C-alpha atoms as a PDB file:
ATOM      1  CA  MET A   1     -54.617  77.304-143.796  1.00  0.00           C
ATOM      2  CA  THR A   2     -53.036  79.345-141.104  1.00  0.00           C
ATOM      3  CA  ASN A   3     -50.512  80.277-143.424  1.00  0.00           C
ATOM      4  CA  VAL A   4     -53.027  81.469-145.953  1.00  0.00           C
ATOM      5  CA  LEU A   5     -54.627  83.647-143.363  1.00  0.00           C
ATOM      6  CA  LEU A   6     -51.335  85.202-142.341  1.00  0.00           C
ATOM      7  CA  ILE A   7     -50.423  86.037-146.082  1.00  0.00           C
ATOM      8  CA  VAL A   8     -53.729  87.687-146.506  1.00  0.00           C
ATOM      9  CA  PHE A   9     -53.055  89.641-143.483  1.00  0.00           C
ATOM     10  CA  LEU A  10     -49.690  90.640-145.098  1.00  0.00           C
ATOM     11  CA  ILE A  11     -51.671  91.725-148.136  1.00  0.00           C
ATOM     12  CA  THR A  12     -53.852  93.751-146.040  1.00  0.00           C
ATOM     13  CA  LEU A  13     -50.808  95.589-144.703  1.00  0.00           C
ATOM     14  CA  PHE A  14     -49.735  96.588-148.115  1.00  0.00           C
ATOM     15  CA  TYR A  15     -53.404  97.948-148.903  1.00  0.00           C
ATOM     16  CA  MET A  16     -53.331  99.848-145.837  1.00  0.00           C
ATOM     17  CA  SER A  17     -50.229 101.595-146.647  1.00  0.00           C
ATOM     18  CA  ILE A  18     -51.562 102.784-150.007  1.00  0.00           C
ATOM     19  CA  ALA A  19     -54.911 103.496-148.948  1.00  0.00           C
ATOM     20  CA  ASN A  20     -56.078 107.294-148.597  1.00  0.00           C
ATOM     21  CA  ARG A  21     -59.666 107.039-147.110  1.00  0.00           C
ATOM     22  CA  LEU A  22     -60.046 106.760-143.412  1.00  0.00           C
ATOM     23  CA  HIS A  23     -63.291 104.370-144.045  1.00  0.00           C
ATOM     24  CA  THR A  24     -60.864 102.073-145.814  1.00  0.00           C
ATOM     25  CA  TYR A  25     -58.603 101.905-142.544  1.00  0.00           C
ATOM     26  CA  THR A  26     -61.485 101.037-140.306  1.00  0.00           C
ATOM     27  CA  LYS A  27     -62.657  98.351-142.911  1.00  0.00           C
ATOM     28  CA  VAL A  28     -59.204  96.802-143.018  1.00  0.00           C
ATOM     29  CA  LEU A  29     -59.147  96.846-139.148  1.00  0.00           C
ATOM     30  CA  MET A  30     -62.159  94.923-139.258  1.00  0.00           C
ATOM     31  CA  PHE A  31     -61.055  92.251-141.806  1.00  0.00           C
ATOM     32  CA  GLN A  32     -57.684  92.013-139.735  1.00  0.00           C
ATOM     33  CA  GLY A  33     -59.834  91.162-136.683  1.00  0.00           C
ATOM     34  CA  VAL A  34     -61.592  88.359-138.493  1.00  0.00           C
ATOM     35  CA  LEU A  35     -58.312  87.276-139.569  1.00  0.00           C
ATOM     36  CA  LEU A  36     -56.928  87.112-136.537  1.00  0.00           C
ATOM     37  CA  PHE A  37     -59.969  85.167-135.166  1.00  0.00           C
ATOM     38  CA  GLY A  38     -59.349  82.504-137.809  1.00  0.00           C
ATOM     39  CA  VAL A  39     -55.543  82.410-136.993  1.00  0.00           C
ATOM     40  CA  ALA A  40     -56.439  81.958-133.254  1.00  0.00           C
ATOM     41  CA  PHE A  41     -59.204  79.355-133.616  1.00  0.00           C
ATOM     42  CA  ILE A  42     -56.913  77.234-135.994  1.00  0.00           C
ATOM     43  CA  GLU A  43     -53.554  77.602-133.893  1.00  0.00           C
ATOM     44  CA  LEU A  44     -54.721  77.564-130.079  1.00  0.00           C
ATOM     45  CA  LYS A  45     -54.999  73.734-129.328  1.00  0.00           C
ATOM     46  CA  GLU A  46     -53.311  73.432-126.291  1.00  0.00           C
ATOM     47  CA  ILE A  47     -55.278  75.501-124.093  1.00  0.00           C
ATOM     48  CA  SER A  48     -58.377  75.170-121.880  1.00  0.00           C
ATOM     49  CA  THR A  49     -61.740  75.610-123.349  1.00  0.00           C
ATOM     50  CA  LEU A  50     -62.660  78.502-121.229  1.00  0.00           C
ATOM     51  CA  ASN A  51     -59.452  80.536-122.209  1.00  0.00           C
ATOM     52  CA  LEU A  52     -59.921  79.687-125.967  1.00  0.00           C
ATOM     53  CA  VAL A  53     -63.479  80.951-125.735  1.00  0.00           C
ATOM     54  CA  LEU A  54     -62.534  84.113-123.982  1.00  0.00           C
ATOM     55  CA  ILE A  55     -59.525  84.787-126.477  1.00  0.00           C
ATOM     56  CA  LEU A  56     -62.024  84.374-129.468  1.00  0.00           C
ATOM     57  CA  LEU A  57     -64.656  86.324-128.115  1.00  0.00           C
ATOM     58  CA  GLU A  58     -62.218  89.142-127.320  1.00  0.00           C
ATOM     59  CA  THR A  59     -60.907  88.669-130.926  1.00  0.00           C
ATOM     60  CA  ILE A  60     -64.411  88.826-132.800  1.00  0.00           C
ATOM     61  CA  VAL A  61     -65.975  91.083-130.454  1.00  0.00           C
ATOM     62  CA  PHE A  62     -63.524  93.782-130.063  1.00  0.00           C
ATOM     63  CA  LYS A  63     -61.081  93.584-132.931  1.00  0.00           C
ATOM     64  CA  SER A  64     -63.470  93.142-135.670  1.00  0.00           C
ATOM     65  CA  ILE A  65     -66.591  94.790-134.403  1.00  0.00           C
ATOM     66  CA  ALA A  66     -66.476  97.219-131.451  1.00  0.00           C
ATOM     67  CA  VAL A  67     -63.317  98.984-132.060  1.00  0.00           C
ATOM     68  CA  PRO A  68     -63.598  99.549-135.851  1.00  0.00           C
ATOM     69  CA  LEU A  69     -67.331 100.739-135.311  1.00  0.00           C
ATOM     70  CA  PHE A  70     -66.361 103.154-132.581  1.00  0.00           C
ATOM     71  CA  LEU A  71     -63.805 104.615-134.999  1.00  0.00           C
ATOM     72  CA  GLU A  72     -66.351 104.963-137.759  1.00  0.00           C
ATOM     73  CA  TYR A  73     -68.524 106.842-135.123  1.00  0.00           C
ATOM     74  CA  ILE A  74     -65.749 109.032-134.462  1.00  0.00           C
ATOM     75  CA  LEU A  75     -65.241 109.783-138.041  1.00  0.00           C
ATOM     76  CA  LYS A  76     -68.784 110.498-138.643  1.00  0.00           C
ATOM     77  CA  ARG A  77     -69.466 112.513-135.398  1.00  0.00           C
ATOM     78  CA  ASN A  78     -66.307 114.889-135.800  1.00  0.00           C
ATOM     79  CA  LYS A  79     -67.033 115.091-139.465  1.00  0.00           C
ATOM     80  CA  ILE A  80     -63.499 113.995-140.309  1.00  0.00           C
ATOM     81  CA  THR A  81     -62.911 114.187-144.036  1.00  0.00           C
ATOM     82  CA  ARG A  82     -62.208 111.283-146.134  1.00  0.00           C
ATOM     83  CA  GLU A  83     -58.549 111.840-146.855  1.00  0.00           C
ATOM     84  CA  ALA A  84     -55.920 110.281-144.376  1.00  0.00           C
ATOM     85  CA  GLU A  85     -53.406 112.940-145.874  1.00  0.00           C
ATOM     86  CA  PRO A  86     -50.035 110.915-146.126  1.00  0.00           C
ATOM     87  CA  PHE A  87     -46.963 112.981-146.111  1.00  0.00           C
ATOM     88  CA  LEU A  88     -45.510 110.700-148.852  1.00  0.00           C
ATOM     89  CA  PRO A  89     -46.984 109.253-152.251  1.00  0.00           C
ATOM     90  CA  GLN A  90     -48.770 106.202-152.488  1.00  0.00           C
ATOM     91  CA  PHE A  91     -45.880 104.339-154.751  1.00  0.00           C
ATOM     92  CA  VAL A  92     -43.184 105.285-151.861  1.00  0.00           C
ATOM     93  CA  SER A  93     -45.562 104.122-149.269  1.00  0.00           C
ATOM     94  CA  LEU A  94     -45.989 100.813-150.777  1.00  0.00           C
ATOM     95  CA  MET A  95     -42.408 100.496-151.372  1.00  0.00           C
ATOM     96  CA  ILE A  96     -41.412 101.290-147.768  1.00  0.00           C
ATOM     97  CA  THR A  97     -43.872  98.556-146.769  1.00  0.00           C
ATOM     98  CA  THR A  98     -42.361  96.006-149.147  1.00  0.00           C
ATOM     99  CA  VAL A  99     -38.797  96.759-147.505  1.00  0.00           C
ATOM    100  CA  ILE A 100     -40.237  96.285-144.155  1.00  0.00           C
ATOM    101  CA  VAL A 101     -41.616  93.003-145.108  1.00  0.00           C
ATOM    102  CA  VAL A 102     -38.400  91.852-146.872  1.00  0.00           C
ATOM    103  CA  THR A 103     -36.373  93.082-144.018  1.00  0.00           C
ATOM    104  CA  THR A 104     -38.329  91.080-141.402  1.00  0.00           C
ATOM    105  CA  ILE A 105     -38.181  87.985-143.532  1.00  0.00           C
ATOM    106  CA  LEU A 106     -34.260  88.193-144.037  1.00  0.00           C
ATOM    107  CA  LEU A 107     -34.258  89.000-140.073  1.00  0.00           C
ATOM    108  CA  SER A 108     -36.479  85.884-139.058  1.00  0.00           C
ATOM    109  CA  TYR A 109     -34.597  83.375-140.867  1.00  0.00           C
ATOM    110  CA  SER A 110     -31.324  84.567-139.456  1.00  0.00           C
ATOM    111  CA  ILE A 111     -32.707  83.569-136.089  1.00  0.00           C
ATOM    112  CA  LYS A 112     -32.111  80.032-135.284  1.00  0.00           C
ATOM    113  CA  ASP A 113     -34.715  79.098-132.902  1.00  0.00           C
ATOM    114  CA  GLU A 114     -37.041  75.538-132.936  1.00  0.00           C
ATOM    115  CA  ASN A 115     -39.753  77.286-130.743  1.00  0.00           C
ATOM    116  CA  LEU A 116     -40.330  80.068-133.048  1.00  0.00           C
ATOM    117  CA  ASP A 117     -42.533  79.851-135.648  1.00  0.00           C
ATOM    118  CA  LYS A 118     -41.086  81.950-138.421  1.00  0.00           C
ATOM    119  CA  MET A 119     -44.240  82.789-140.545  1.00  0.00           C
ATOM    120  CA  PHE A 120     -45.977  84.221-137.501  1.00  0.00           C
ATOM    121  CA  PHE A 121     -42.655  85.937-136.631  1.00  0.00           C
ATOM    122  CA  VAL A 122     -42.518  87.676-139.966  1.00  0.00           C
ATOM    123  CA  VAL A 123     -46.159  88.718-139.878  1.00  0.00           C
ATOM    124  CA  ALA A 124     -45.867  90.158-136.352  1.00  0.00           C
ATOM    125  CA  LEU A 125     -42.821  92.275-137.225  1.00  0.00           C
ATOM    126  CA  SER A 126     -44.003  93.620-140.459  1.00  0.00           C
ATOM    127  CA  THR A 127     -47.307  94.470-138.827  1.00  0.00           C
ATOM    128  CA  LEU A 128     -45.555  96.233-136.012  1.00  0.00           C
ATOM    129  CA  PHE A 129     -43.302  98.151-138.089  1.00  0.00           C
ATOM    130  CA  THR A 130     -45.921  98.771-140.463  1.00  0.00           C
ATOM    131  CA  GLY A 131     -48.141 100.607-137.796  1.00  0.00           C
ATOM    132  CA  LEU A 132     -45.191 102.760-136.737  1.00  0.00           C
ATOM    133  CA  TYR A 133     -44.682 103.557-140.397  1.00  0.00           C
ATOM    134  CA  ILE A 134     -48.496 104.458-140.874  1.00  0.00           C
ATOM    135  CA  ILE A 135     -48.266 106.474-137.270  1.00  0.00           C
ATOM    136  CA  ALA A 136     -45.169 108.455-138.640  1.00  0.00           C
ATOM    137  CA  SER A 137     -46.329 108.892-142.170  1.00  0.00           C
ATOM    138  CA  ARG A 138     -49.753 110.248-141.730  1.00  0.00           C
ATOM    139  CA  ARG A 139     -50.976 113.954-140.700  1.00  0.00           C
ATOM    140  CA  LYS A 140     -54.388 113.142-138.961  1.00  0.00           C
ATOM    141  CA  ILE A 141     -54.563 111.905-135.214  1.00  0.00           C
ATOM    142  CA  ILE A 142     -57.133 109.445-135.986  1.00  0.00           C
ATOM    143  CA  THR A 143     -54.685 107.763-138.412  1.00  0.00           C
ATOM    144  CA  HIS A 144     -52.444 107.637-135.554  1.00  0.00           C
ATOM    145  CA  VAL A 145     -54.962 105.721-133.566  1.00  0.00           C
ATOM    146  CA  MET A 146     -55.678 103.422-136.309  1.00  0.00           C
ATOM    147  CA  GLY A 147     -51.677 102.708-136.736  1.00  0.00           C
ATOM    148  CA  TYR A 148     -51.890 101.829-133.109  1.00  0.00           C
ATOM    149  CA  MET A 149     -54.629  99.164-133.776  1.00  0.00           C
ATOM    150  CA  VAL A 150     -52.354  97.950-136.306  1.00  0.00           C
ATOM    151  CA  ILE A 151     -49.709  97.887-133.859  1.00  0.00           C
ATOM    152  CA  GLU A 152     -51.867  95.729-131.299  1.00  0.00           C
ATOM    153  CA  ASN A 153     -52.895  93.480-133.886  1.00  0.00           C
ATOM    154  CA  GLY A 154     -49.263  92.511-134.427  1.00  0.00           C
ATOM    155  CA  VAL A 155     -48.535  92.205-130.775  1.00  0.00           C
ATOM    156  CA  PHE A 156     -51.376  89.644-130.725  1.00  0.00           C
ATOM    157  CA  VAL A 157     -49.533  87.765-133.849  1.00  0.00           C
ATOM    158  CA  LEU A 158     -46.240  88.041-131.864  1.00  0.00           C
ATOM    159  CA  SER A 159     -47.902  86.357-128.949  1.00  0.00           C
ATOM    160  CA  LEU A 160     -49.200  83.421-131.348  1.00  0.00           C
ATOM    161  CA  ALA A 161     -45.533  83.170-132.656  1.00  0.00           C
ATOM    162  CA  VAL A 162     -43.690  82.901-129.435  1.00  0.00           C
ATOM    163  CA  GLY A 163     -45.973  80.366-127.944  1.00  0.00           C
ATOM    164  CA  ASN A 164     -49.150  78.461-128.193  1.00  0.00           C
ATOM    165  CA  GLU A 165     -50.071  79.096-124.893  1.00  0.00           C
ATOM    166  CA  MET A 166     -51.642  82.336-124.010  1.00  0.00           C
ATOM    167  CA  PRO A 167     -52.796  83.118-120.371  1.00  0.00           C
ATOM    168  CA  MET A 168     -56.388  84.177-119.862  1.00  0.00           C
END
């Protein structure tokens, strides 16, 4: 089940790389927060109940609800237009994201470490690099903030890849 959630998370990265509307970015960030909640709920087993509850609450409240709604509020209040204004066409963005994912797959399978979960590592690195690509390829500063949110989601997945225990 975890692999299905992580694959859907990768699909959201592809969708985000070709999306033009800023409201789509916030909806994808909400959905990524829900996916991260599901992954954390399934994967975190060797952790105290209090730590698990705090991590799950942080994931669902902040990543899925508070931050995307705040970004929507900023878009509405500042009357920011719907377009994300990318520098490159959608097809080129999709190809670059595909290259990022394929490169991280090749990189992760070249690492010989038993403690590293390869699927988590692929999704984490792909998310980090796709977030950097979103920041570099969009004109509006609000889109850069959303790219940083994608990077932060990648850091969360990377922390799950490195170890099952997460400190409070």
